[in-house]
Amino acid sequence: MWPRRGWLGLALIFLFWPINWFWPGLRTYWAFFPLWLGYALTVDALAFHRRGTSLFARSPRRYVGLFLISAPGWWLFEVFNARIQNWHYVGAEYFSNAAYAFWATLSFSTVMPAVFGTAEWLSGLAHGFPRWKRGPRIPPTRGVLLFFFLTGWIMLALMLRWPRYFFFFIWGSLYLILEPLNVWLGNRHLLEWTARRDWRPIAALWSGVLFTAFFWEMWNYYSYPKWVYTIPFVDFAHVFEMPLLGYLGYLPFALELFALYHFIVGLLGDKTTDYVIRGLVVDVDGG
């Protein structure tokens, strides 16, 4: 069954895609959110059509929560980027600080719904990535957690101290810090799956973020305002504005989104929720 929100999502895409690309002057600052809301609703509808469940269907309230958590989550990466200067926004100079903060926050709110929704849809298409059910075993032992935690902080320190040479640690350091915290705080975490050699949630997240990244970069290419990259050493072989090797950064970024979401909802008291993970693994039941 194709839900009504899917038709709304498609309508938003068909309307705001050409607006983002062809409307004269500044337009993407107000057209980005409806375009990506359309994307998020469409992939949610695709997941529901495939499996009879989706993020929105399981809980509209928590679906709205994804947007609310996503915005400050991406702002954290913007803070890191203020140091490493790997991307900047062409056209941002036309906005006051308050206007920029408002429109940017609205745009950043779509990241988690887009990535998690796409991951759930693709997991259904791939029948749950069964080949990833027997991968390397990484259990949440004391040694593993301490290694993750200390490595994450070292990576972050190197990135902040020598950004030209360690800029790439922006992708991965946050996950290595947050994953042990989620274990210690009793929140959901990916190590509970890799402890059983089950890498299916990671496969779903990786496929979801790469699919979403294609549309991020494609729709950005002719938008205005837009982002452009200045990445040391790998600034060649571009696919849209992004250097080809830069797409590798999306893989740890997906894990960071998962860890960040569960860290925040854990702080809010929802420690054992399977709201997101249920969509990433086909045979997971629950609410």
Protein backbone atom coordinates (compact mmCIF):
# COMPACT_ATOMS: atom_id res chain seq x y z
CA MET A 1 0.00 0.00 0.00
CA TRP A 2 1.29 3.45 -0.91
CA PRO A 3 0.59 5.93 1.92
CA ARG A 4 -0.61 9.48 1.38
CA ARG A 5 2.58 10.93 2.82
CA GLY A 6 4.38 9.33 -0.12
CA TRP A 7 2.32 11.34 -2.58
CA LEU A 8 3.05 14.48 -0.56
CA GLY A 9 6.76 13.64 -0.63
CA LEU A 10 6.80 13.13 -4.38
CA ALA A 11 4.89 16.37 -4.92
CA LEU A 12 7.41 18.30 -2.82
CA ILE A 13 10.31 16.79 -4.78
CA PHE A 14 8.80 17.55 -8.17
CA LEU A 15 8.02 21.12 -7.10
CA PHE A 16 11.16 22.10 -5.21
CA TRP A 17 13.82 20.26 -7.23
CA PRO A 18 13.46 22.66 -10.22
CA ILE A 19 13.04 25.61 -7.85
CA ASN A 20 16.37 24.77 -6.17
CA TRP A 21 18.11 24.54 -9.53
CA PHE A 22 16.47 27.14 -11.75
CA TRP A 23 14.70 29.83 -9.70
CA PRO A 24 16.61 33.09 -10.18
CA GLY A 25 18.67 34.49 -7.33
CA LEU A 26 18.83 33.20 -3.78
CA ARG A 27 16.37 30.35 -3.39
CA THR A 28 17.87 27.26 -1.76
CA TYR A 29 17.83 28.73 1.74
CA TRP A 30 14.02 28.43 1.76
CA ALA A 31 13.60 25.64 -0.81
CA PHE A 32 16.07 23.14 0.72
CA PHE A 33 13.84 22.07 3.60
CA PRO A 34 10.69 21.28 1.57
CA LEU A 35 12.79 19.40 -1.00
CA TRP A 36 14.40 17.25 1.66
CA LEU A 37 11.17 16.85 3.58
CA GLY A 38 9.82 15.46 0.31
CA TYR A 39 12.77 13.08 0.06
CA ALA A 40 12.33 11.90 3.66
CA LEU A 41 8.59 11.31 3.24
CA THR A 42 9.15 9.50 -0.06
CA VAL A 43 11.74 7.04 1.27
CA ASP A 44 9.57 6.50 4.34
CA ALA A 45 6.66 5.64 2.06
CA LEU A 46 8.90 3.33 0.02
CA ALA A 47 9.93 1.52 3.20
CA PHE A 48 6.29 1.21 4.29
CA HIS A 49 5.25 -0.03 0.85
CA ARG A 50 7.99 -2.66 0.96
CA ARG A 51 7.67 -3.90 4.54
CA GLY A 52 4.46 -2.57 6.06
CA THR A 53 6.37 -0.51 8.61
CA SER A 54 8.45 2.66 8.57
CA LEU A 55 9.78 5.33 10.87
CA PHE A 56 6.68 7.50 10.43
CA ALA A 57 4.27 4.56 10.71
CA ARG A 58 5.83 3.30 13.94
CA SER A 59 5.62 6.67 15.66
CA PRO A 60 4.82 10.05 14.10
CA ARG A 61 5.94 11.67 17.35
CA ARG A 62 9.36 10.06 17.23
CA TYR A 63 9.58 10.86 13.53
CA VAL A 64 9.25 14.55 14.35
CA GLY A 65 11.86 13.96 17.05
CA LEU A 66 14.34 12.87 14.38
CA PHE A 67 14.15 16.35 12.87
CA LEU A 68 14.59 17.99 16.26
CA ILE A 69 17.66 15.90 17.11
CA SER A 70 19.16 16.12 13.64
CA ALA A 71 19.56 19.90 13.63
CA PRO A 72 21.82 20.27 16.69
CA GLY A 73 23.56 17.05 15.65
CA TRP A 74 24.73 18.56 12.37
CA TRP A 75 25.59 21.86 14.04
CA LEU A 76 28.21 19.90 16.00
CA PHE A 77 29.94 19.05 12.72
CA GLU A 78 29.70 22.69 11.67
CA VAL A 79 31.58 23.59 14.86
CA PHE A 80 34.32 21.11 13.93
CA ASN A 81 34.39 22.45 10.38
CA ALA A 82 35.02 25.95 11.71
CA ARG A 83 38.43 24.56 12.60
CA ILE A 84 39.21 22.28 9.65
CA GLN A 85 37.53 24.43 6.93
CA ASN A 86 36.67 21.48 4.66
CA TRP A 87 33.50 23.08 3.29
CA HIS A 88 31.90 26.49 3.13
CA TYR A 89 28.64 27.94 1.86
CA VAL A 90 28.59 30.12 -1.23
CA GLY A 91 25.94 32.81 -0.74
CA ALA A 92 26.02 32.76 3.06
CA GLU A 93 27.39 36.30 3.00
CA TYR A 94 23.93 37.63 2.07
CA PHE A 95 22.41 36.63 5.41
CA SER A 96 22.60 38.08 8.88
CA ASN A 97 23.86 35.74 11.58
CA ALA A 98 20.34 35.25 12.92
CA ALA A 99 18.85 34.55 9.49
CA TYR A 100 21.66 32.17 8.62
CA ALA A 101 21.23 30.28 11.90
CA PHE A 102 17.47 29.94 11.34
CA TRP A 103 17.58 28.69 7.75
CA ALA A 104 20.61 26.47 8.37
CA THR A 105 18.98 24.85 11.39
CA LEU A 106 15.84 24.15 9.37
CA SER A 107 17.93 22.54 6.63
CA PHE A 108 20.09 20.53 9.05
CA SER A 109 16.95 19.03 10.62
CA THR A 110 16.43 16.76 7.59
CA VAL A 111 19.68 14.78 7.87
CA MET A 112 18.63 11.97 10.23
CA PRO A 113 15.15 11.40 8.76
CA ALA A 114 16.69 11.15 5.29
CA VAL A 115 19.52 8.78 6.22
CA PHE A 116 17.60 6.51 8.60
CA GLY A 117 14.58 6.36 6.29
CA THR A 118 16.72 5.46 3.28
CA ALA A 119 18.59 2.83 5.29
CA GLU A 120 15.30 1.21 6.30
CA TRP A 121 14.00 1.18 2.73
CA LEU A 122 17.20 -0.29 1.29
CA SER A 123 17.34 -2.89 4.05
CA GLY A 124 13.93 -4.07 2.91
CA LEU A 125 15.01 -4.14 -0.73
CA ALA A 126 18.11 -6.16 0.19
CA HIS A 127 16.11 -8.56 2.41
CA GLY A 128 18.05 -7.34 5.42
CA PHE A 129 21.55 -7.76 3.96
CA PRO A 130 21.80 -11.46 4.94
CA ARG A 131 25.43 -11.78 3.84
CA TRP A 132 26.37 -9.31 6.56
CA LYS A 133 24.98 -11.53 9.31
CA ARG A 134 28.35 -13.25 9.87
CA GLY A 135 31.05 -10.62 10.04
CA PRO A 136 33.99 -9.95 12.36
CA ARG A 137 33.12 -10.19 16.03
CA ILE A 138 33.60 -6.95 17.98
CA PRO A 139 32.13 -7.28 21.50
CA PRO A 140 31.64 -4.39 23.96
CA THR A 141 34.30 -5.62 26.35
CA ARG A 142 36.05 -3.27 28.74
CA GLY A 143 39.17 -3.30 26.57
CA VAL A 144 37.28 -2.58 23.34
CA LEU A 145 35.32 0.25 24.94
CA LEU A 146 38.42 1.89 26.41
CA PHE A 147 40.23 1.53 23.08
CA PHE A 148 37.32 3.14 21.23
CA PHE A 149 36.93 5.94 23.76
CA LEU A 150 40.60 6.89 24.00
CA THR A 151 41.14 6.56 20.24
CA GLY A 152 38.18 8.83 19.57
CA TRP A 153 39.53 11.55 21.84
CA ILE A 154 43.03 11.24 20.36
CA MET A 155 41.61 11.53 16.84
CA LEU A 156 39.59 14.58 17.85
CA ALA A 157 42.62 16.22 19.48
CA LEU A 158 44.80 15.59 16.42
CA MET A 159 42.12 17.03 14.15
CA LEU A 160 41.80 20.19 16.23
CA ARG A 161 45.56 20.65 16.66
CA TRP A 162 46.67 19.88 13.09
CA PRO A 163 43.55 20.22 10.94
CA ARG A 164 45.40 20.22 7.62
CA TYR A 165 46.77 16.73 8.20
CA PHE A 166 44.09 15.12 10.37
CA PHE A 167 40.92 16.74 9.01
CA PHE A 168 39.49 13.34 8.09
CA PHE A 169 39.15 12.42 11.77
CA ILE A 170 36.00 14.55 11.84
CA TRP A 171 34.40 11.40 10.44
CA GLY A 172 34.73 8.63 12.99
CA SER A 173 36.06 10.31 16.12
CA LEU A 174 32.60 11.19 17.40
CA TYR A 175 31.37 7.62 16.90
CA LEU A 176 34.33 6.18 18.80
CA ILE A 177 33.59 8.54 21.70
CA LEU A 178 29.82 8.09 21.77
CA GLU A 179 29.61 4.33 21.26
CA PRO A 180 31.30 3.50 24.60
CA LEU A 181 29.21 6.18 26.31
CA ASN A 182 26.06 4.56 24.97
CA VAL A 183 27.19 1.18 26.31
CA TRP A 184 28.09 2.57 29.73
CA LEU A 185 24.82 4.53 29.96
CA GLY A 186 22.68 1.56 28.92
CA ASN A 187 21.62 3.05 25.57
CA ARG A 188 21.22 1.16 22.31
CA HIS A 189 24.49 0.71 20.43
CA LEU A 190 25.90 -1.09 17.40
CA LEU A 191 28.34 -3.22 19.39
CA GLU A 192 25.43 -5.27 20.68
CA TRP A 193 25.12 -6.48 17.08
CA THR A 194 28.78 -6.87 16.19
CA ALA A 195 29.20 -8.87 19.41
CA ARG A 196 27.06 -11.49 17.64
CA ARG A 197 29.03 -10.98 14.41
CA ASP A 198 25.91 -9.35 12.95
CA TRP A 199 26.80 -6.38 10.77
CA ARG A 200 23.41 -5.97 9.10
CA PRO A 201 22.55 -2.68 10.82
CA ILE A 202 25.88 -1.24 9.71
CA ALA A 203 25.32 -2.43 6.14
CA ALA A 204 21.92 -0.74 6.15
CA LEU A 205 23.33 2.51 7.53
CA TRP A 206 26.18 2.54 5.01
CA SER A 207 23.92 1.88 2.04
CA GLY A 208 21.42 4.44 3.29
CA VAL A 209 23.94 7.21 3.77
CA LEU A 210 25.64 6.66 0.40
CA PHE A 211 22.30 6.70 -1.43
CA THR A 212 21.29 9.85 0.43
CA ALA A 213 24.70 11.42 -0.20
CA PHE A 214 24.23 11.07 -3.94
CA PHE A 215 21.11 13.24 -3.72
CA TRP A 216 22.72 15.67 -1.28
CA GLU A 217 25.56 16.30 -3.68
CA MET A 218 23.50 16.19 -6.87
CA TRP A 219 20.80 18.58 -5.67
CA ASN A 220 23.43 20.86 -4.19
CA TYR A 221 25.33 21.19 -7.48
CA TYR A 222 23.01 23.72 -9.14
CA SER A 223 21.57 25.19 -5.95
CA TYR A 224 22.18 28.66 -4.60
CA PRO A 225 23.25 29.15 -1.86
CA LYS A 226 25.28 25.92 -1.96
CA TRP A 227 28.22 24.25 -0.27
CA VAL A 228 31.63 23.70 -1.86
CA TYR A 229 34.62 21.74 -0.59
CA THR A 230 38.25 22.64 0.06
CA ILE A 231 39.72 19.30 1.17
CA PRO A 232 43.52 18.97 1.31
CA PHE A 233 45.29 16.24 -0.68
CA VAL A 234 42.16 14.65 -2.21
CA ASP A 235 40.65 17.59 -4.10
CA PHE A 236 40.40 15.80 -7.46
CA ALA A 237 38.04 13.48 -9.40
CA HIS A 238 34.94 15.32 -8.28
CA VAL A 239 31.48 13.80 -8.39
CA PHE A 240 29.42 16.99 -8.27
CA GLU A 241 31.21 19.27 -5.75
CA MET A 242 32.54 16.38 -3.65
CA PRO A 243 35.93 14.75 -4.41
CA LEU A 244 35.41 11.06 -5.06
CA LEU A 245 37.46 9.97 -2.05
CA GLY A 246 35.42 12.33 0.10
CA TYR A 247 32.42 10.04 -0.20
CA LEU A 248 34.25 7.57 2.07
CA GLY A 249 33.62 9.99 4.92
CA TYR A 250 29.92 9.27 4.72
CA LEU A 251 30.48 5.71 6.02
CA PRO A 252 31.63 6.64 9.54
CA PHE A 253 29.24 9.60 9.44
CA ALA A 254 26.30 7.18 9.31
CA LEU A 255 27.56 5.42 12.44
CA GLU A 256 27.98 8.79 14.14
CA LEU A 257 24.37 9.68 13.38
CA PHE A 258 23.18 6.40 14.90
CA ALA A 259 25.32 6.85 18.02
CA LEU A 260 24.39 10.51 18.40
CA TYR A 261 20.67 9.81 18.09
CA HIS A 262 20.74 7.09 20.74
CA PHE A 263 22.94 9.17 23.04
CA ILE A 264 20.43 12.03 22.96
CA VAL A 265 17.28 9.93 23.31
CA GLY A 266 19.04 8.03 26.09
CA LEU A 267 19.57 11.29 27.95
CA LEU A 268 15.85 11.94 27.49
CA GLY A 269 15.04 8.61 29.16
CA ASP A 270 14.38 6.43 26.10
CA LYS A 271 17.39 4.16 26.58
CA THR A 272 16.18 0.87 25.11
CA THR A 273 14.19 2.10 22.13
CA ASP A 274 14.31 -0.01 18.98
CA TYR A 275 12.61 2.71 16.93
CA VAL A 276 15.48 3.05 14.45
CA ILE A 277 17.15 -0.35 14.71
CA ARG A 278 13.90 -2.17 13.99
CA GLY A 279 13.96 -0.80 10.48
CA LEU A 280 17.58 -1.70 9.83
CA VAL A 281 17.28 -5.43 10.53
CA VAL A 282 14.44 -7.28 8.85
CA ASP A 283 13.79 -9.85 11.58
CA VAL A 284 13.74 -7.42 14.53
CA ASP A 285 10.35 -7.09 16.20
CA GLY A 286 9.23 -4.57 18.74
CA GLY A 287 7.96 -1.04 19.10
